[in-house]
N, C-alpha and C. Protein backbone atom coordinates (compact mmCIF):
# COMPACT_ATOMS: atom_id res chain seq x y z
N UNK A 1 -70.28 -21.60 49.07
CA UNK A 1 -71.04 -20.46 49.48
C UNK A 1 -70.25 -19.17 49.23
N UNK A 2 -70.96 -18.15 48.92
CA UNK A 2 -70.37 -16.83 48.73
C UNK A 2 -70.25 -16.13 50.09
N UNK A 3 -69.38 -15.14 50.17
CA UNK A 3 -69.14 -14.44 51.43
C UNK A 3 -70.43 -13.88 52.02
N UNK A 4 -71.27 -13.27 51.20
CA UNK A 4 -72.50 -12.67 51.73
C UNK A 4 -73.43 -13.74 52.33
N UNK A 5 -73.37 -14.97 51.81
CA UNK A 5 -74.20 -16.05 52.37
C UNK A 5 -73.71 -16.43 53.77
N UNK A 6 -72.39 -16.43 53.97
CA UNK A 6 -71.84 -16.69 55.30
C UNK A 6 -72.21 -15.57 56.26
N UNK A 7 -72.15 -14.33 55.76
CA UNK A 7 -72.50 -13.18 56.59
C UNK A 7 -73.95 -13.26 57.03
N UNK A 8 -74.83 -13.71 56.14
CA UNK A 8 -76.25 -13.85 56.48
C UNK A 8 -76.46 -14.91 57.56
N UNK A 9 -75.53 -15.87 57.65
CA UNK A 9 -75.61 -16.90 58.70
C UNK A 9 -75.10 -16.39 60.04
N UNK A 10 -74.57 -15.16 60.04
CA UNK A 10 -74.08 -14.57 61.29
C UNK A 10 -72.65 -14.93 61.63
N UNK A 11 -71.90 -15.43 60.65
CA UNK A 11 -70.50 -15.76 60.90
C UNK A 11 -69.73 -14.45 61.03
N UNK A 12 -68.93 -14.30 62.10
CA UNK A 12 -68.22 -13.04 62.35
C UNK A 12 -67.31 -12.63 61.19
N UNK A 13 -67.27 -11.33 60.94
CA UNK A 13 -66.45 -10.76 59.88
C UNK A 13 -64.98 -11.16 60.03
N UNK A 14 -64.46 -11.17 61.27
CA UNK A 14 -63.06 -11.52 61.50
C UNK A 14 -62.76 -12.93 61.01
N UNK A 15 -63.68 -13.87 61.26
CA UNK A 15 -63.49 -15.25 60.82
C UNK A 15 -63.51 -15.31 59.30
N UNK A 16 -64.42 -14.57 58.68
CA UNK A 16 -64.49 -14.54 57.21
C UNK A 16 -63.23 -13.93 56.61
N UNK A 17 -62.67 -12.93 57.28
CA UNK A 17 -61.41 -12.34 56.81
C UNK A 17 -60.28 -13.37 56.84
N UNK A 18 -60.24 -14.17 57.92
CA UNK A 18 -59.23 -15.22 58.02
C UNK A 18 -59.41 -16.24 56.89
N UNK A 19 -60.65 -16.65 56.66
CA UNK A 19 -60.93 -17.61 55.58
C UNK A 19 -60.52 -17.03 54.22
N UNK A 20 -60.83 -15.75 53.98
CA UNK A 20 -60.44 -15.11 52.72
C UNK A 20 -58.93 -15.11 52.55
N UNK A 21 -58.22 -14.75 53.60
CA UNK A 21 -56.77 -14.70 53.53
C UNK A 21 -56.18 -16.09 53.32
N UNK A 22 -56.70 -17.06 54.06
CA UNK A 22 -56.21 -18.44 53.90
C UNK A 22 -56.52 -18.95 52.50
N UNK A 23 -57.69 -18.65 52.00
CA UNK A 23 -58.08 -19.09 50.66
C UNK A 23 -57.14 -18.50 49.60
N UNK A 24 -56.79 -17.23 49.76
CA UNK A 24 -55.85 -16.60 48.83
C UNK A 24 -54.49 -17.27 48.90
N UNK A 25 -54.02 -17.58 50.11
CA UNK A 25 -52.73 -18.25 50.26
C UNK A 25 -52.74 -19.63 49.64
N UNK A 26 -53.85 -20.35 49.83
CA UNK A 26 -53.96 -21.68 49.21
C UNK A 26 -53.91 -21.57 47.69
N UNK A 27 -54.62 -20.59 47.14
CA UNK A 27 -54.61 -20.39 45.69
C UNK A 27 -53.21 -20.05 45.19
N UNK A 28 -52.45 -19.29 46.00
CA UNK A 28 -51.08 -18.92 45.63
C UNK A 28 -50.18 -20.13 45.43
N UNK A 29 -50.47 -21.23 46.12
CA UNK A 29 -49.66 -22.43 45.95
C UNK A 29 -50.37 -23.50 45.13
N UNK A 30 -51.50 -23.12 44.53
CA UNK A 30 -52.17 -24.01 43.59
C UNK A 30 -53.27 -24.90 44.14
N UNK A 31 -53.84 -24.54 45.29
CA UNK A 31 -54.90 -25.35 45.89
C UNK A 31 -56.09 -24.47 46.23
N UNK A 32 -57.18 -25.12 46.59
CA UNK A 32 -58.38 -24.39 46.96
C UNK A 32 -58.79 -24.74 48.39
N UNK A 33 -59.63 -23.93 48.96
CA UNK A 33 -60.17 -24.21 50.29
C UNK A 33 -60.96 -25.53 50.25
N UNK A 34 -61.61 -25.81 49.13
CA UNK A 34 -62.35 -27.06 48.98
C UNK A 34 -61.42 -28.26 49.15
N UNK A 35 -60.22 -28.17 48.58
CA UNK A 35 -59.25 -29.25 48.72
C UNK A 35 -58.97 -29.51 50.20
N UNK A 36 -58.72 -28.45 50.95
CA UNK A 36 -58.44 -28.60 52.38
C UNK A 36 -59.63 -29.21 53.10
N UNK A 37 -60.83 -28.73 52.81
CA UNK A 37 -62.02 -29.25 53.49
C UNK A 37 -62.30 -30.70 53.10
N UNK A 38 -61.98 -31.08 51.85
CA UNK A 38 -62.15 -32.47 51.43
C UNK A 38 -61.23 -33.42 52.20
N UNK A 39 -60.16 -32.88 52.74
CA UNK A 39 -59.23 -33.72 53.50
C UNK A 39 -59.88 -34.28 54.77
N UNK A 40 -60.97 -33.67 55.21
CA UNK A 40 -61.66 -34.16 56.41
C UNK A 40 -62.13 -35.60 56.24
N UNK A 41 -62.31 -36.04 55.00
CA UNK A 41 -62.78 -37.39 54.73
C UNK A 41 -61.64 -38.40 54.63
N UNK A 42 -60.41 -37.94 54.72
CA UNK A 42 -59.24 -38.83 54.69
C UNK A 42 -59.09 -39.55 56.03
N UNK A 43 -58.31 -40.63 56.02
CA UNK A 43 -57.90 -41.22 57.29
C UNK A 43 -56.79 -40.33 57.87
N UNK A 44 -56.39 -40.56 59.11
CA UNK A 44 -55.39 -39.70 59.74
C UNK A 44 -54.08 -39.70 58.96
N UNK A 45 -53.67 -40.84 58.43
CA UNK A 45 -52.43 -40.95 57.67
C UNK A 45 -52.44 -40.00 56.47
N UNK A 46 -53.45 -40.12 55.62
CA UNK A 46 -53.53 -39.27 54.43
C UNK A 46 -53.73 -37.81 54.78
N UNK A 47 -54.52 -37.57 55.80
CA UNK A 47 -54.80 -36.20 56.22
C UNK A 47 -53.52 -35.49 56.68
N UNK A 48 -52.75 -36.13 57.55
CA UNK A 48 -51.53 -35.51 58.07
C UNK A 48 -50.51 -35.30 56.95
N UNK A 49 -50.32 -36.30 56.10
CA UNK A 49 -49.34 -36.16 55.01
C UNK A 49 -49.73 -35.02 54.06
N UNK A 50 -50.99 -34.90 53.74
CA UNK A 50 -51.43 -33.84 52.82
C UNK A 50 -51.39 -32.47 53.47
N UNK A 51 -51.80 -32.37 54.73
CA UNK A 51 -51.71 -31.08 55.43
C UNK A 51 -50.26 -30.64 55.53
N UNK A 52 -49.37 -31.57 55.83
CA UNK A 52 -47.94 -31.25 55.92
C UNK A 52 -47.42 -30.73 54.58
N UNK A 53 -47.83 -31.35 53.50
CA UNK A 53 -47.39 -30.91 52.17
C UNK A 53 -47.88 -29.50 51.86
N UNK A 54 -49.14 -29.23 52.20
CA UNK A 54 -49.68 -27.87 52.00
C UNK A 54 -48.90 -26.84 52.81
N UNK A 55 -48.67 -27.15 54.07
CA UNK A 55 -47.94 -26.23 54.95
C UNK A 55 -46.51 -26.04 54.45
N UNK A 56 -45.88 -27.11 54.02
CA UNK A 56 -44.51 -27.03 53.51
C UNK A 56 -44.43 -26.06 52.34
N UNK A 57 -45.36 -26.16 51.41
CA UNK A 57 -45.39 -25.24 50.26
C UNK A 57 -45.63 -23.80 50.71
N UNK A 58 -46.52 -23.62 51.69
CA UNK A 58 -46.81 -22.27 52.19
C UNK A 58 -45.60 -21.67 52.90
N UNK A 59 -44.88 -22.49 53.68
CA UNK A 59 -43.69 -21.99 54.37
C UNK A 59 -42.63 -21.56 53.36
N UNK A 60 -42.46 -22.36 52.32
CA UNK A 60 -41.49 -22.03 51.28
C UNK A 60 -41.82 -20.68 50.64
N UNK A 61 -43.07 -20.50 50.29
CA UNK A 61 -43.50 -19.24 49.66
C UNK A 61 -43.33 -18.07 50.62
N UNK A 62 -43.68 -18.28 51.89
CA UNK A 62 -43.55 -17.21 52.89
C UNK A 62 -42.09 -16.82 53.09
N UNK A 63 -41.20 -17.81 53.11
CA UNK A 63 -39.77 -17.51 53.27
C UNK A 63 -39.27 -16.67 52.10
N UNK A 64 -39.66 -17.06 50.90
CA UNK A 64 -39.23 -16.30 49.72
C UNK A 64 -39.77 -14.88 49.74
N UNK A 65 -41.05 -14.74 50.02
CA UNK A 65 -41.70 -13.43 49.93
C UNK A 65 -41.49 -12.56 51.16
N UNK A 66 -41.50 -13.15 52.34
CA UNK A 66 -41.46 -12.35 53.57
C UNK A 66 -40.04 -12.22 54.13
N UNK A 67 -39.29 -13.32 54.09
CA UNK A 67 -37.95 -13.29 54.67
C UNK A 67 -36.92 -12.75 53.68
N UNK A 68 -36.93 -13.29 52.47
CA UNK A 68 -35.97 -12.83 51.47
C UNK A 68 -36.53 -11.71 50.61
N UNK A 69 -37.82 -11.46 50.74
CA UNK A 69 -38.50 -10.44 49.94
C UNK A 69 -38.14 -10.55 48.47
N UNK A 70 -38.18 -11.80 48.01
CA UNK A 70 -37.83 -12.08 46.63
C UNK A 70 -38.99 -12.79 45.94
N UNK A 71 -39.18 -12.53 44.67
CA UNK A 71 -40.20 -13.28 43.94
C UNK A 71 -39.78 -14.74 43.82
N UNK A 72 -40.75 -15.61 43.65
CA UNK A 72 -40.45 -17.03 43.51
C UNK A 72 -39.68 -17.31 42.22
N UNK A 73 -39.77 -16.39 41.28
CA UNK A 73 -39.18 -16.61 39.96
C UNK A 73 -38.65 -15.27 39.43
N UNK A 74 -37.45 -15.26 38.88
CA UNK A 74 -36.87 -14.07 38.26
C UNK A 74 -36.48 -14.43 36.84
N UNK A 75 -37.05 -13.72 35.89
CA UNK A 75 -36.79 -14.00 34.48
C UNK A 75 -36.98 -15.47 34.13
N UNK A 76 -37.99 -16.07 34.73
CA UNK A 76 -38.31 -17.47 34.43
C UNK A 76 -37.43 -18.48 35.14
N UNK A 77 -36.50 -18.02 35.99
CA UNK A 77 -35.59 -18.92 36.69
C UNK A 77 -35.98 -18.96 38.17
N UNK A 78 -36.01 -20.16 38.72
CA UNK A 78 -36.42 -20.34 40.11
C UNK A 78 -35.23 -20.72 41.00
N UNK A 79 -34.10 -20.02 40.86
CA UNK A 79 -32.89 -20.38 41.59
C UNK A 79 -33.08 -20.31 43.10
N UNK A 80 -33.55 -19.18 43.60
CA UNK A 80 -33.74 -19.04 45.04
C UNK A 80 -34.81 -20.01 45.53
N UNK A 81 -35.83 -20.19 44.74
CA UNK A 81 -36.89 -21.12 45.09
C UNK A 81 -36.34 -22.54 45.23
N UNK A 82 -35.44 -22.92 44.36
CA UNK A 82 -34.84 -24.26 44.44
C UNK A 82 -34.03 -24.41 45.72
N UNK A 83 -33.35 -23.34 46.12
CA UNK A 83 -32.56 -23.40 47.36
C UNK A 83 -33.49 -23.54 48.56
N UNK A 84 -34.52 -22.69 48.62
CA UNK A 84 -35.45 -22.73 49.76
C UNK A 84 -36.19 -24.07 49.81
N UNK A 85 -36.54 -24.62 48.65
CA UNK A 85 -37.25 -25.91 48.65
C UNK A 85 -36.36 -27.03 49.17
N UNK A 86 -35.04 -26.84 49.16
CA UNK A 86 -34.15 -27.88 49.68
C UNK A 86 -33.98 -27.80 51.20
N UNK A 87 -34.47 -26.72 51.82
CA UNK A 87 -34.41 -26.62 53.29
C UNK A 87 -35.28 -27.72 53.89
N UNK A 88 -34.85 -28.27 55.01
CA UNK A 88 -35.69 -29.20 55.73
C UNK A 88 -36.89 -28.47 56.31
N UNK A 89 -37.86 -29.21 56.78
CA UNK A 89 -39.05 -28.61 57.37
C UNK A 89 -38.72 -28.01 58.74
N UNK A 90 -37.97 -28.76 59.54
CA UNK A 90 -37.62 -28.33 60.89
C UNK A 90 -36.11 -28.46 61.06
N UNK A 91 -35.62 -28.07 62.18
CA UNK A 91 -34.18 -28.11 62.44
C UNK A 91 -33.61 -26.71 62.49
N UNK A 92 -32.32 -26.62 62.79
CA UNK A 92 -31.67 -25.32 62.98
C UNK A 92 -31.74 -24.43 61.73
N UNK A 93 -31.69 -25.01 60.56
CA UNK A 93 -31.75 -24.22 59.32
C UNK A 93 -32.97 -24.61 58.48
N UNK A 94 -34.00 -25.11 59.15
CA UNK A 94 -35.20 -25.52 58.44
C UNK A 94 -36.17 -24.38 58.22
N UNK A 95 -37.22 -24.68 57.49
CA UNK A 95 -38.22 -23.66 57.15
C UNK A 95 -38.88 -23.07 58.39
N UNK A 96 -39.17 -23.92 59.36
CA UNK A 96 -39.78 -23.42 60.59
C UNK A 96 -38.85 -22.43 61.29
N UNK A 97 -37.55 -22.70 61.27
CA UNK A 97 -36.58 -21.80 61.91
C UNK A 97 -36.63 -20.41 61.27
N UNK A 98 -36.75 -20.35 59.94
CA UNK A 98 -36.85 -19.05 59.26
C UNK A 98 -38.15 -18.34 59.64
N UNK A 99 -39.25 -19.07 59.61
CA UNK A 99 -40.55 -18.48 59.95
C UNK A 99 -40.53 -17.95 61.38
N UNK A 100 -39.93 -18.71 62.28
CA UNK A 100 -39.86 -18.30 63.68
C UNK A 100 -38.94 -17.09 63.84
N UNK A 101 -37.78 -17.10 63.19
CA UNK A 101 -36.82 -16.00 63.31
C UNK A 101 -37.41 -14.68 62.80
N UNK A 102 -38.23 -14.76 61.79
CA UNK A 102 -38.84 -13.55 61.23
C UNK A 102 -40.16 -13.18 61.91
N UNK A 103 -40.57 -13.98 62.89
CA UNK A 103 -41.76 -13.67 63.66
C UNK A 103 -43.05 -13.75 62.88
N UNK A 104 -43.11 -14.64 61.90
CA UNK A 104 -44.31 -14.73 61.05
C UNK A 104 -45.44 -15.54 61.69
N UNK A 105 -45.13 -16.35 62.70
CA UNK A 105 -46.15 -17.12 63.40
C UNK A 105 -45.87 -17.09 64.90
N UNK A 106 -46.94 -17.25 65.68
CA UNK A 106 -46.81 -17.28 67.14
C UNK A 106 -46.11 -18.57 67.58
N UNK A 107 -45.64 -18.58 68.80
CA UNK A 107 -44.98 -19.76 69.37
C UNK A 107 -45.91 -20.97 69.36
N UNK A 108 -47.19 -20.76 69.69
CA UNK A 108 -48.15 -21.87 69.67
C UNK A 108 -48.24 -22.50 68.29
N UNK A 109 -48.25 -21.67 67.26
CA UNK A 109 -48.36 -22.20 65.90
C UNK A 109 -47.05 -22.85 65.45
N UNK A 110 -45.93 -22.33 65.91
CA UNK A 110 -44.65 -22.99 65.64
C UNK A 110 -44.64 -24.37 66.29
N UNK A 111 -45.11 -24.47 67.53
CA UNK A 111 -45.20 -25.77 68.22
C UNK A 111 -46.15 -26.70 67.48
N UNK A 112 -47.27 -26.16 66.99
CA UNK A 112 -48.21 -26.95 66.20
C UNK A 112 -47.50 -27.53 64.97
N UNK A 113 -46.72 -26.69 64.26
CA UNK A 113 -46.02 -27.15 63.06
C UNK A 113 -45.01 -28.24 63.39
N UNK A 114 -44.32 -28.10 64.51
CA UNK A 114 -43.36 -29.13 64.90
C UNK A 114 -44.06 -30.44 65.25
N UNK A 115 -45.19 -30.35 65.91
CA UNK A 115 -45.96 -31.56 66.22
C UNK A 115 -46.50 -32.20 64.94
N UNK A 116 -46.99 -31.38 64.02
CA UNK A 116 -47.46 -31.88 62.73
C UNK A 116 -46.32 -32.58 62.00
N UNK A 117 -45.14 -32.02 62.06
CA UNK A 117 -43.97 -32.62 61.41
C UNK A 117 -43.61 -33.96 62.05
N UNK A 118 -43.70 -34.04 63.37
CA UNK A 118 -43.42 -35.30 64.06
C UNK A 118 -44.43 -36.37 63.64
N UNK A 119 -45.70 -35.98 63.56
CA UNK A 119 -46.73 -36.93 63.10
C UNK A 119 -46.46 -37.36 61.67
N UNK A 120 -46.14 -36.40 60.81
CA UNK A 120 -45.84 -36.70 59.41
C UNK A 120 -44.69 -37.69 59.31
N UNK A 121 -43.63 -37.45 60.09
CA UNK A 121 -42.48 -38.35 60.05
C UNK A 121 -42.84 -39.75 60.53
N UNK A 122 -43.66 -39.82 61.58
CA UNK A 122 -44.08 -41.13 62.08
C UNK A 122 -44.87 -41.89 61.02
N UNK A 123 -45.74 -41.19 60.31
CA UNK A 123 -46.53 -41.84 59.26
C UNK A 123 -45.69 -42.18 58.03
N UNK A 124 -44.82 -41.30 57.62
CA UNK A 124 -44.12 -41.51 56.36
C UNK A 124 -42.88 -42.38 56.48
N UNK A 125 -42.31 -42.51 57.67
CA UNK A 125 -41.08 -43.29 57.81
C UNK A 125 -41.30 -44.70 58.35
N UNK A 126 -42.55 -45.04 58.65
CA UNK A 126 -42.83 -46.39 59.13
C UNK A 126 -44.21 -46.83 58.62
N UNK A 127 -44.21 -47.72 57.65
CA UNK A 127 -45.46 -48.17 57.04
C UNK A 127 -46.38 -48.85 58.05
N UNK A 128 -45.82 -49.37 59.13
CA UNK A 128 -46.66 -50.01 60.15
C UNK A 128 -47.59 -49.01 60.85
N UNK A 129 -47.30 -47.73 60.70
CA UNK A 129 -48.13 -46.70 61.34
C UNK A 129 -49.31 -46.25 60.49
N UNK A 130 -49.44 -46.78 59.29
CA UNK A 130 -50.45 -46.29 58.35
C UNK A 130 -51.88 -46.36 58.91
N UNK A 131 -52.17 -47.34 59.71
CA UNK A 131 -53.52 -47.49 60.26
C UNK A 131 -53.69 -46.89 61.65
N UNK A 132 -52.64 -46.28 62.18
CA UNK A 132 -52.72 -45.70 63.52
C UNK A 132 -53.36 -44.32 63.47
N UNK A 133 -54.04 -43.99 64.54
CA UNK A 133 -54.64 -42.66 64.67
C UNK A 133 -53.59 -41.68 65.19
N UNK A 134 -53.94 -40.42 65.15
CA UNK A 134 -53.08 -39.38 65.71
C UNK A 134 -52.83 -39.67 67.19
N UNK A 135 -53.86 -40.11 67.91
CA UNK A 135 -53.72 -40.42 69.33
C UNK A 135 -52.79 -41.60 69.54
N UNK A 136 -52.88 -42.63 68.67
CA UNK A 136 -52.00 -43.79 68.78
C UNK A 136 -50.54 -43.39 68.63
N UNK A 137 -50.26 -42.56 67.64
CA UNK A 137 -48.88 -42.10 67.42
C UNK A 137 -48.43 -41.29 68.64
N UNK A 138 -49.31 -40.45 69.15
CA UNK A 138 -48.97 -39.62 70.31
C UNK A 138 -48.65 -40.47 71.53
N UNK A 139 -49.41 -41.54 71.71
CA UNK A 139 -49.17 -42.43 72.86
C UNK A 139 -47.82 -43.11 72.76
N UNK A 140 -47.31 -43.32 71.54
CA UNK A 140 -45.99 -43.91 71.35
C UNK A 140 -44.88 -42.94 71.73
N UNK A 141 -45.20 -41.66 71.82
CA UNK A 141 -44.21 -40.60 72.07
C UNK A 141 -44.70 -39.69 73.22
N UNK A 142 -44.90 -40.25 74.41
CA UNK A 142 -45.50 -39.45 75.49
C UNK A 142 -44.69 -38.21 75.88
N UNK A 143 -43.38 -38.26 75.78
CA UNK A 143 -42.55 -37.12 76.18
C UNK A 143 -42.66 -35.94 75.23
N UNK A 144 -43.16 -36.16 74.02
CA UNK A 144 -43.25 -35.07 73.04
C UNK A 144 -44.53 -34.25 73.15
N UNK A 145 -45.48 -34.73 73.93
CA UNK A 145 -46.75 -34.01 74.19
C UNK A 145 -47.40 -33.53 72.88
N UNK A 146 -47.50 -34.42 71.92
CA UNK A 146 -48.02 -34.06 70.60
C UNK A 146 -49.46 -33.57 70.66
N UNK A 147 -50.31 -34.26 71.41
CA UNK A 147 -51.71 -33.85 71.47
C UNK A 147 -51.85 -32.44 72.03
N UNK A 148 -51.04 -32.13 73.02
CA UNK A 148 -51.08 -30.79 73.62
C UNK A 148 -50.73 -29.73 72.57
N UNK A 149 -49.80 -30.04 71.70
CA UNK A 149 -49.36 -29.08 70.69
C UNK A 149 -50.31 -29.02 69.49
N UNK A 150 -50.91 -30.15 69.15
CA UNK A 150 -51.84 -30.19 68.01
C UNK A 150 -53.17 -29.56 68.38
N UNK A 151 -53.67 -29.84 69.58
CA UNK A 151 -54.99 -29.35 70.00
C UNK A 151 -54.86 -28.22 71.00
N UNK A 152 -53.95 -27.33 70.78
CA UNK A 152 -53.61 -26.30 71.77
C UNK A 152 -54.82 -25.55 72.32
N UNK A 153 -55.70 -25.08 71.46
CA UNK A 153 -56.84 -24.30 71.93
C UNK A 153 -57.87 -25.18 72.63
N UNK A 154 -58.07 -26.37 72.11
CA UNK A 154 -59.04 -27.26 72.73
C UNK A 154 -58.59 -27.72 74.11
N UNK A 155 -57.30 -27.99 74.27
CA UNK A 155 -56.82 -28.46 75.57
C UNK A 155 -56.93 -27.37 76.63
N UNK A 156 -56.85 -26.11 76.21
CA UNK A 156 -57.07 -25.03 77.17
C UNK A 156 -58.49 -25.08 77.70
N UNK A 157 -59.40 -25.61 76.89
CA UNK A 157 -60.79 -25.75 77.32
C UNK A 157 -61.05 -27.14 77.90
N UNK A 158 -60.00 -27.91 78.08
CA UNK A 158 -60.02 -29.23 78.74
C UNK A 158 -60.82 -30.29 77.99
N UNK A 159 -60.86 -30.21 76.68
CA UNK A 159 -61.43 -31.32 75.94
C UNK A 159 -60.76 -31.44 74.58
N UNK A 160 -60.60 -32.70 74.17
CA UNK A 160 -60.00 -33.00 72.88
C UNK A 160 -61.13 -33.46 71.96
N UNK A 161 -61.09 -33.07 70.70
CA UNK A 161 -62.13 -33.55 69.78
C UNK A 161 -62.25 -35.07 69.86
N UNK A 162 -63.48 -35.55 69.89
CA UNK A 162 -63.73 -36.97 70.15
C UNK A 162 -63.71 -37.86 68.92
N UNK A 163 -64.15 -37.38 67.78
CA UNK A 163 -64.22 -38.22 66.59
C UNK A 163 -63.06 -37.90 65.64
N UNK A 164 -62.77 -38.85 64.77
CA UNK A 164 -61.71 -38.63 63.78
C UNK A 164 -61.98 -37.38 62.97
N UNK A 165 -63.21 -37.23 62.51
CA UNK A 165 -63.56 -36.07 61.68
C UNK A 165 -63.43 -34.76 62.47
N UNK A 166 -63.83 -34.78 63.74
CA UNK A 166 -63.71 -33.59 64.58
C UNK A 166 -62.24 -33.23 64.79
N UNK A 167 -61.39 -34.24 65.00
CA UNK A 167 -59.95 -33.97 65.14
C UNK A 167 -59.40 -33.35 63.87
N UNK A 168 -59.75 -33.93 62.74
CA UNK A 168 -59.25 -33.41 61.46
C UNK A 168 -59.80 -32.00 61.20
N UNK A 169 -61.03 -31.74 61.59
CA UNK A 169 -61.60 -30.41 61.42
C UNK A 169 -60.82 -29.39 62.25
N UNK A 170 -60.53 -29.74 63.49
CA UNK A 170 -59.78 -28.82 64.34
C UNK A 170 -58.40 -28.54 63.75
N UNK A 171 -57.71 -29.57 63.30
CA UNK A 171 -56.39 -29.38 62.69
C UNK A 171 -56.52 -28.52 61.44
N UNK A 172 -57.59 -28.73 60.66
CA UNK A 172 -57.83 -27.91 59.46
C UNK A 172 -57.97 -26.44 59.83
N UNK A 173 -58.64 -26.14 60.93
CA UNK A 173 -58.76 -24.75 61.37
C UNK A 173 -57.40 -24.16 61.70
N UNK A 174 -56.55 -24.95 62.32
CA UNK A 174 -55.20 -24.47 62.62
C UNK A 174 -54.44 -24.22 61.32
N UNK A 175 -54.57 -25.12 60.36
CA UNK A 175 -53.90 -24.95 59.06
C UNK A 175 -54.41 -23.69 58.37
N UNK A 176 -55.73 -23.49 58.39
CA UNK A 176 -56.32 -22.28 57.79
C UNK A 176 -55.76 -21.03 58.47
N UNK A 177 -55.67 -21.06 59.80
CA UNK A 177 -55.16 -19.92 60.54
C UNK A 177 -53.69 -19.65 60.18
N UNK A 178 -52.91 -20.69 60.03
CA UNK A 178 -51.50 -20.54 59.65
C UNK A 178 -51.41 -19.95 58.25
N UNK A 179 -52.22 -20.45 57.33
CA UNK A 179 -52.22 -19.88 55.98
C UNK A 179 -52.57 -18.39 56.02
N UNK A 180 -53.55 -18.05 56.83
CA UNK A 180 -53.94 -16.64 56.94
C UNK A 180 -52.80 -15.81 57.50
N UNK A 181 -52.13 -16.31 58.54
CA UNK A 181 -51.01 -15.57 59.13
C UNK A 181 -49.86 -15.41 58.14
N UNK A 182 -49.56 -16.43 57.40
CA UNK A 182 -48.46 -16.34 56.44
C UNK A 182 -48.79 -15.36 55.33
N UNK A 183 -50.05 -15.29 54.96
CA UNK A 183 -50.47 -14.34 53.93
C UNK A 183 -50.33 -12.91 54.45
N UNK A 184 -50.71 -12.72 55.70
CA UNK A 184 -50.65 -11.38 56.28
C UNK A 184 -49.21 -10.95 56.54
N UNK A 185 -48.38 -11.94 56.90
CA UNK A 185 -46.98 -11.65 57.14
C UNK A 185 -46.72 -10.69 58.29
N UNK A 186 -47.68 -10.56 59.21
CA UNK A 186 -47.54 -9.55 60.27
C UNK A 186 -46.88 -10.09 61.52
N UNK A 187 -46.81 -11.43 61.65
CA UNK A 187 -46.30 -11.99 62.89
C UNK A 187 -47.35 -12.04 63.98
N UNK A 188 -48.50 -11.45 63.73
CA UNK A 188 -49.59 -11.47 64.71
C UNK A 188 -50.56 -12.58 64.33
N UNK A 189 -51.17 -13.17 65.31
CA UNK A 189 -52.13 -14.22 65.03
C UNK A 189 -53.42 -13.66 64.46
N UNK A 190 -53.96 -14.40 63.51
CA UNK A 190 -55.29 -14.10 63.02
C UNK A 190 -56.27 -14.49 64.12
N UNK A 191 -57.54 -14.08 64.00
CA UNK A 191 -58.48 -14.33 65.09
C UNK A 191 -58.83 -15.79 65.34
N UNK A 192 -58.23 -16.74 64.68
CA UNK A 192 -58.53 -18.14 64.94
C UNK A 192 -57.66 -18.69 66.04
């Protein structure tokens, strides 16, 4: 659908602005909004691994452009990009640490990224988890409060998405919001 078609449906301008910004960020790393929305049909394993990969690429680009204020490539050489791509996702010197230090995302979204990373690690480091749901993995790690961090806005309203597709849709909205925030580089949350 084109933007004017969404506007005719009464979708708020602020939400459309977030979608536009997220779409631009996705294109910057070589993906489309359609790719992200198609992930809703994946199982939890594939969905989490692919969302994590998208976010990882976006964090790398944001660190280069916002933190180091450097292009991804200089005279055809990607030296700084190679260094940033070697950073871990989380940890004291990880990509999340840079994003947090520069104030590019809110604390809630940083917590979301850490929970997403924990889920990704559970899926990718143990093949026995391939058929487990996000809730199953969370139940294995009760002290980490993964569901609280993944469904932050929904839990404030005291309900968790009930179906697999609804859970993946909610996580997709968080991913879209993070992409929009990283594109804006303001440190302020987009309206999502």
